[in-house]
Amino acid sequence: MKRFVLIAFDLIFSAFIWYVNASWGNDFKTCLILSFTTFLIVYFPFEIYWNCKDLWHDRWPLLKIDSLEVSPIKIPVEGPRKAWLIGELIRSKNEQKRISRNSIIIVNQGFSDTKESLQYLYYPLALHGYQILIHDPRGLGKSKKVGKKTDHVQRIQDFDFILQWVMNQDFLKNSNIYCIGVSHGTLPALIKAFPNEKIKKIVVISSVANFRKTFQRLNPILKLRYYIRGNILKIRKEQNLELSPVLKLKIYKKQVKPQEWKKLVERLLLIHAKNDKITKFFNFEELISFLDVPPSNQILFKKGGHLQKKNELLIVASIIEFFNRTEN
């Protein structure tokens, strides 16, 4: 609404500038340039302010909880040279809680998010006894030198290295392995974790169904923001197959029996907001339809947007309920 009001006012003011310049005898080209420049000068300071304001209000302060043990880890990955993803293993200091859960959760965050961005989500789970593995994806945070954050396919492939690291740790070998993916992090959660029966439970939040279609349908302002943050939109058609869960899993679905597919889907919880402007609602609909997800494994919020603002407490509670329900 605020953008609609601003654009309406801006168009009226730009039209007035055109009228004034035309009355002075300026030609069409001059009038167009001056009125368009006026529109930009009026509009963009407001847009910059609103975006900065949103970033400020959307932030979560860094948390430090004495009852949690945070250990730095290095996960080796393949590449042109030896490299490691830098992450953290977060555990409750209460050993009895950890033993009762006997689970580790691999958390995959969004496109430009470092490992700290989802503390509000995984710290409560750690307090409940779940062990958390969170890492900075390649190109970000302490993993910045590993590669580019726009290496979308490689970021998905990195899940295999993370899973292998977990399975190589003696103290984690017998643990149940869960996975949570948020936004861009839903790609490895669905493409890699979903077909892998070693992953006992999967939660995807603000999920992508078709990567290319999702980002082609962004509004111009959001497209500009993503271009500035790393050209996420330049995806070739053949590359899109590797980045789109619905397209990738269609191939896998043909290889399994219906009953086996149903068991895989029962391990999955989908969470989305209907007013999500980035991974729009059609992504949720496509995934629900294609995967045939039962209503008990769907959570749809009317509001909250892509970042699920004000839904955080319900999301954490729903994840814990889902984990408890399937454990029993």
Protein backbone atom coordinates (compact mmCIF):
# COMPACT_ATOMS: atom_id res chain seq x y z
CA MET A 1 0.00 0.00 0.00
CA LYS A 2 2.78 2.45 0.92
CA ARG A 3 4.51 1.80 -2.41
CA PHE A 4 1.24 2.23 -4.29
CA VAL A 5 0.67 5.63 -2.65
CA LEU A 6 4.26 6.71 -3.32
CA ILE A 7 4.15 5.64 -6.98
CA ALA A 8 0.81 7.41 -7.51
CA PHE A 9 2.16 10.63 -5.98
CA ASP A 10 5.43 10.26 -7.87
CA LEU A 11 3.65 9.85 -11.22
CA ILE A 12 1.55 12.95 -10.58
CA PHE A 13 4.64 14.97 -9.64
CA SER A 14 6.59 13.65 -12.67
CA ALA A 15 3.64 14.56 -14.92
CA PHE A 16 3.73 18.08 -13.45
CA ILE A 17 7.47 18.33 -14.28
CA TRP A 18 6.68 17.19 -17.83
CA TYR A 19 3.92 19.82 -18.11
CA VAL A 20 6.20 22.62 -16.86
CA ASN A 21 8.99 21.68 -19.24
CA ALA A 22 6.58 21.32 -22.17
CA SER A 23 5.17 24.79 -21.40
CA TRP A 24 8.71 26.16 -21.62
CA GLY A 25 9.00 24.75 -25.13
CA ASN A 26 11.32 21.80 -24.39
CA ASP A 27 11.17 18.91 -26.85
CA PHE A 28 9.72 15.42 -26.12
CA LYS A 29 13.07 13.81 -25.29
CA THR A 30 13.99 16.50 -22.76
CA CYS A 31 10.58 16.28 -21.08
CA LEU A 32 10.85 12.48 -20.86
CA ILE A 33 14.35 12.53 -19.37
CA LEU A 34 13.54 15.21 -16.80
CA SER A 35 10.24 13.67 -15.68
CA PHE A 36 11.73 10.14 -15.48
CA THR A 37 14.73 11.46 -13.51
CA THR A 38 12.31 13.20 -11.16
CA PHE A 39 10.43 9.93 -10.63
CA LEU A 40 13.66 8.12 -9.71
CA ILE A 41 14.90 10.90 -7.42
CA VAL A 42 11.64 10.83 -5.47
CA TYR A 43 11.13 7.05 -5.42
CA PHE A 44 14.53 5.52 -4.65
CA PRO A 45 15.31 7.27 -1.32
CA PHE A 46 12.03 5.87 0.04
CA GLU A 47 12.80 2.39 -1.35
CA ILE A 48 16.29 2.42 0.18
CA TYR A 49 14.88 3.57 3.52
CA TRP A 50 12.18 0.88 3.57
CA ASN A 51 14.65 -1.88 2.71
CA CYS A 52 17.14 -0.76 5.36
CA LYS A 53 14.32 -0.48 7.87
CA ASP A 54 13.14 -4.02 7.04
CA LEU A 55 16.66 -5.39 7.41
CA TRP A 56 16.95 -3.72 10.81
CA HIS A 57 13.60 -4.97 12.10
CA ASP A 58 14.06 -8.46 10.65
CA ARG A 59 17.36 -9.05 12.43
CA TRP A 60 17.74 -11.29 15.45
CA PRO A 61 20.41 -10.32 17.99
CA LEU A 62 23.23 -12.82 18.46
CA LEU A 63 22.44 -15.21 21.29
CA LYS A 64 24.71 -16.73 23.90
CA ILE A 65 23.22 -19.38 26.18
CA ASP A 66 25.35 -20.77 29.00
CA SER A 67 23.59 -24.14 29.03
CA LEU A 68 24.66 -24.81 25.43
CA GLU A 69 28.07 -25.99 24.28
CA VAL A 70 29.21 -24.51 20.94
CA SER A 71 32.13 -26.30 19.26
CA PRO A 72 33.78 -25.11 16.01
CA ILE A 73 34.04 -27.73 13.26
CA LYS A 74 35.68 -28.00 9.83
CA ILE A 75 34.02 -30.07 7.11
CA PRO A 76 36.31 -31.06 4.21
CA VAL A 77 34.88 -30.53 0.73
CA GLU A 78 36.17 -31.31 -2.75
CA GLY A 79 37.36 -28.58 -5.06
CA PRO A 80 40.35 -27.29 -7.02
CA ARG A 81 42.25 -27.14 -3.71
CA LYS A 82 41.81 -28.51 -0.23
CA ALA A 83 39.06 -26.58 1.52
CA TRP A 84 36.74 -26.77 4.51
CA LEU A 85 33.30 -25.50 5.30
CA ILE A 86 33.39 -23.82 8.69
CA GLY A 87 30.58 -24.66 11.04
CA GLU A 88 29.53 -25.26 14.60
CA LEU A 89 28.20 -28.20 16.56
CA ILE A 90 25.75 -26.97 19.19
CA ARG A 91 24.77 -29.26 22.04
CA SER A 92 23.07 -29.07 25.41
CA LYS A 93 25.48 -29.45 28.32
CA ASN A 94 22.87 -31.73 29.85
CA GLU A 95 24.11 -35.13 28.67
CA GLN A 96 20.90 -36.87 29.72
CA LYS A 97 18.89 -34.65 27.36
CA ARG A 98 21.23 -35.47 24.48
CA ILE A 99 21.05 -39.19 25.17
CA SER A 100 17.25 -39.13 25.34
CA ARG A 101 17.01 -37.46 21.91
CA ASN A 102 19.94 -39.27 20.29
CA SER A 103 19.55 -37.01 17.26
CA ILE A 104 21.51 -34.49 15.23
CA ILE A 105 19.87 -31.86 13.01
CA ILE A 106 21.67 -30.56 9.91
CA VAL A 107 20.44 -27.00 9.34
CA ASN A 108 20.65 -25.35 5.90
CA GLN A 109 19.94 -21.62 5.80
CA GLY A 110 19.08 -19.14 3.05
CA PHE A 111 21.00 -17.71 0.09
CA SER A 112 22.91 -14.89 1.84
CA ASP A 113 22.61 -16.11 5.43
CA THR A 114 25.50 -17.09 7.67
CA LYS A 115 25.23 -19.75 10.36
CA GLU A 116 24.20 -17.22 13.02
CA SER A 117 21.08 -16.05 11.16
CA LEU A 118 18.92 -18.97 12.37
CA GLN A 119 19.96 -19.05 16.02
CA TYR A 120 16.37 -18.25 17.02
CA LEU A 121 15.33 -21.51 15.33
CA TYR A 122 18.01 -24.02 16.30
CA TYR A 123 18.92 -22.83 19.81
CA PRO A 124 15.51 -23.85 21.22
CA LEU A 125 15.94 -27.25 19.57
CA ALA A 126 19.39 -27.60 21.12
CA LEU A 127 17.91 -26.75 24.52
CA HIS A 128 15.50 -29.67 24.01
CA GLY A 129 18.44 -32.04 23.59
CA TYR A 130 18.84 -32.10 19.80
CA GLN A 131 22.41 -31.69 18.57
CA ILE A 132 22.69 -29.03 15.85
CA LEU A 133 25.13 -28.88 12.95
CA ILE A 134 25.13 -25.47 11.29
CA HIS A 135 27.71 -24.18 8.79
CA ASP A 136 28.57 -21.15 6.72
CA PRO A 137 27.85 -22.11 3.09
CA ARG A 138 30.61 -21.64 0.54
CA GLY A 139 31.06 -17.98 -0.33
CA LEU A 140 29.71 -16.73 3.00
CA GLY A 141 30.99 -16.01 6.50
CA LYS A 142 33.99 -18.08 7.51
CA SER A 143 33.54 -20.30 4.41
CA LYS A 144 33.89 -17.33 2.08
CA LYS A 145 37.12 -18.59 0.50
CA VAL A 146 35.71 -22.04 -0.33
CA GLY A 147 33.83 -20.79 -3.42
CA LYS A 148 31.15 -18.42 -4.61
CA LYS A 149 27.75 -18.21 -2.97
CA THR A 150 26.26 -18.32 -6.48
CA ASP A 151 27.63 -21.86 -6.97
CA HIS A 152 24.08 -23.10 -6.42
CA VAL A 153 24.65 -26.65 -7.64
CA GLN A 154 27.82 -27.06 -5.59
CA ARG A 155 26.08 -25.74 -2.47
CA ILE A 156 23.57 -28.57 -2.87
CA GLN A 157 26.37 -31.11 -3.43
CA ASP A 158 28.04 -29.93 -0.21
CA PHE A 159 25.26 -31.67 1.71
CA ASP A 160 26.91 -35.00 0.85
CA PHE A 161 30.16 -33.88 2.49
CA ILE A 162 28.30 -32.63 5.57
CA LEU A 163 26.41 -35.91 5.89
CA GLN A 164 29.63 -37.88 5.47
CA TRP A 165 31.27 -35.82 8.21
CA VAL A 166 28.41 -36.68 10.58
CA MET A 167 28.64 -40.37 9.81
CA ASN A 168 32.41 -40.37 10.34
CA GLN A 169 32.14 -39.07 13.92
CA ASP A 170 32.19 -41.89 16.45
CA PHE A 171 29.98 -40.01 18.92
CA LEU A 172 27.34 -39.42 16.21
CA LYS A 173 27.40 -42.76 14.37
CA ASN A 174 24.28 -44.14 16.05
CA SER A 175 22.36 -40.84 16.14
CA ASN A 176 19.18 -40.20 14.20
CA ILE A 177 19.89 -37.64 11.48
CA TYR A 178 17.35 -34.90 10.76
CA CYS A 179 17.47 -31.98 8.33
CA ILE A 180 15.96 -28.49 8.31
CA GLY A 181 16.07 -26.28 5.22
CA VAL A 182 15.03 -22.63 4.99
CA SER A 183 14.54 -20.79 1.65
CA HIS A 184 17.62 -21.62 -0.48
CA GLY A 185 18.45 -24.25 2.12
CA THR A 186 15.36 -26.21 1.09
CA LEU A 187 17.19 -27.23 -2.10
CA PRO A 188 19.65 -29.64 -0.39
CA ALA A 189 16.92 -30.63 2.08
CA LEU A 190 14.60 -31.77 -0.72
CA ILE A 191 17.05 -32.77 -3.47
CA LYS A 192 19.62 -34.53 -1.27
CA ALA A 193 18.02 -35.36 2.08
CA PHE A 194 14.54 -36.40 0.91
CA PRO A 195 15.64 -39.43 -1.19
CA ASN A 196 18.16 -40.50 1.47
CA GLU A 197 16.59 -42.95 3.91
CA LYS A 198 19.36 -42.24 6.42
CA ILE A 199 17.69 -38.89 7.04
CA LYS A 200 14.86 -39.71 9.45
CA LYS A 201 12.99 -36.37 9.42
CA ILE A 202 13.01 -33.31 7.18
CA VAL A 203 11.52 -29.84 7.66
CA VAL A 204 11.42 -27.29 4.83
CA ILE A 205 10.42 -23.67 5.41
CA SER A 206 9.61 -21.18 2.62
CA SER A 207 10.48 -23.85 0.09
CA VAL A 208 11.37 -23.66 -3.59
CA ALA A 209 9.66 -25.99 -6.10
CA ASN A 210 10.95 -24.72 -9.45
CA PHE A 211 14.04 -22.54 -9.04
CA ARG A 212 14.00 -20.67 -12.34
CA LYS A 213 10.26 -20.03 -12.36
CA THR A 214 10.40 -18.80 -8.77
CA PHE A 215 12.96 -16.10 -9.43
CA GLN A 216 11.58 -15.13 -12.84
CA ARG A 217 8.33 -14.18 -11.11
CA LEU A 218 9.90 -11.82 -8.59
CA ASN A 219 8.76 -8.22 -8.75
CA PRO A 220 11.30 -5.76 -10.28
CA ILE A 221 12.44 -4.37 -6.94
CA LEU A 222 13.21 -7.83 -5.54
CA LYS A 223 14.96 -8.80 -8.78
CA LEU A 224 17.17 -5.74 -8.45
CA ARG A 225 18.00 -6.68 -4.85
CA TYR A 226 19.00 -10.20 -5.88
CA TYR A 227 21.10 -8.95 -8.79
CA ILE A 228 22.96 -6.67 -6.37
CA ARG A 229 23.44 -9.55 -3.91
CA GLY A 230 24.88 -11.98 -6.42
CA ASN A 231 23.12 -12.61 -9.75
CA ILE A 232 21.00 -15.45 -8.40
CA LEU A 233 18.63 -15.09 -11.36
CA LYS A 234 20.98 -16.10 -14.17
CA ILE A 235 20.05 -19.78 -14.34
CA ARG A 236 20.29 -21.79 -17.54
CA LYS A 237 17.52 -24.21 -18.42
CA GLU A 238 19.72 -27.30 -18.02
CA GLN A 239 21.07 -25.98 -14.71
CA ASN A 240 17.51 -25.48 -13.49
CA LEU A 241 16.97 -29.25 -13.51
CA GLU A 242 19.67 -29.61 -10.84
CA LEU A 243 18.21 -26.78 -8.74
CA SER A 244 14.48 -27.52 -8.83
CA PRO A 245 13.20 -30.10 -6.31
CA VAL A 246 10.04 -30.90 -8.30
CA LEU A 247 12.00 -31.51 -11.52
CA LYS A 248 14.78 -33.46 -9.81
CA LEU A 249 12.47 -35.62 -7.69
CA LYS A 250 10.25 -36.46 -10.68
CA ILE A 251 13.14 -38.54 -11.97
CA TYR A 252 13.64 -40.22 -8.60
CA LYS A 253 9.92 -40.89 -8.13
CA LYS A 254 9.89 -43.15 -11.19
CA GLN A 255 12.48 -45.38 -9.53
CA VAL A 256 10.57 -46.16 -6.31
CA LYS A 257 7.36 -47.98 -5.53
CA PRO A 258 4.29 -45.95 -4.42
CA GLN A 259 4.45 -47.40 -0.90
CA GLU A 260 8.13 -46.47 -0.59
CA TRP A 261 7.36 -42.96 -1.83
CA LYS A 262 4.62 -42.60 0.77
CA LYS A 263 7.06 -43.53 3.55
CA LEU A 264 9.52 -40.92 2.31
CA VAL A 265 6.82 -38.24 2.32
CA GLU A 266 5.76 -39.11 5.88
CA ARG A 267 9.21 -37.92 7.03
CA LEU A 268 8.59 -34.44 5.61
CA LEU A 269 7.04 -31.31 7.16
CA LEU A 270 6.32 -28.35 4.84
CA ILE A 271 5.93 -24.83 6.27
CA HIS A 272 5.03 -21.79 4.17
CA ALA A 273 3.37 -18.36 4.34
CA LYS A 274 0.68 -17.54 1.81
CA ASN A 275 1.96 -13.96 1.34
CA ASP A 276 5.58 -15.03 0.63
CA LYS A 277 6.83 -12.63 -2.07
CA ILE A 278 10.04 -14.52 -2.89
CA THR A 279 9.17 -18.22 -2.94
CA LYS A 280 5.58 -17.49 -3.83
CA PHE A 281 2.63 -19.62 -2.81
CA PHE A 282 2.62 -21.63 -6.06
CA ASN A 283 5.84 -23.32 -4.85
CA PHE A 284 4.03 -24.72 -1.82
CA GLU A 285 1.09 -25.82 -3.97
CA GLU A 286 3.33 -27.56 -6.49
CA LEU A 287 5.26 -29.41 -3.78
CA ILE A 288 2.11 -30.48 -1.94
CA SER A 289 0.52 -31.73 -5.16
CA PHE A 290 3.60 -33.48 -6.54
CA LEU A 291 4.78 -35.05 -3.30
CA ASP A 292 1.22 -35.84 -2.12
CA VAL A 293 1.93 -34.48 1.35
CA PRO A 294 -0.82 -35.32 3.91
CA PRO A 295 -2.55 -32.36 5.65
CA SER A 296 -0.97 -33.33 8.99
CA ASN A 297 2.46 -32.61 7.46
CA GLN A 298 1.55 -29.14 6.13
CA ILE A 299 1.63 -25.82 7.95
CA LEU A 300 0.42 -22.80 6.01
CA PHE A 301 0.41 -19.34 7.57
CA LYS A 302 -1.73 -16.57 6.14
CA LYS A 303 0.94 -13.95 6.86
CA GLY A 304 4.62 -13.85 7.71
CA GLY A 305 6.18 -13.45 4.29
CA HIS A 306 9.36 -15.19 3.23
CA LEU A 307 11.08 -14.59 6.57
CA GLN A 308 8.09 -15.92 8.54
CA LYS A 309 8.00 -12.81 10.70
CA LYS A 310 5.99 -13.30 13.90
CA ASN A 311 5.59 -17.01 13.09
CA GLU A 312 8.88 -18.03 14.70
CA LEU A 313 7.50 -19.37 17.96
CA LEU A 314 4.82 -21.41 16.22
CA ILE A 315 7.39 -22.80 13.79
CA VAL A 316 9.73 -23.96 16.55
CA ALA A 317 6.80 -25.48 18.46
CA SER A 318 5.53 -27.22 15.31
CA ILE A 319 8.95 -28.68 14.55
CA ILE A 320 9.29 -30.06 18.08
CA GLU A 321 5.76 -31.52 17.88
CA PHE A 322 6.55 -33.07 14.49
CA PHE A 323 9.77 -34.62 15.78
CA ASN A 324 8.03 -35.98 18.88
CA ARG A 325 5.10 -37.30 16.88
CA THR A 326 7.23 -39.21 14.42
CA GLU A 327 9.55 -40.45 17.14
CA ASN A 328 6.60 -42.21 18.72
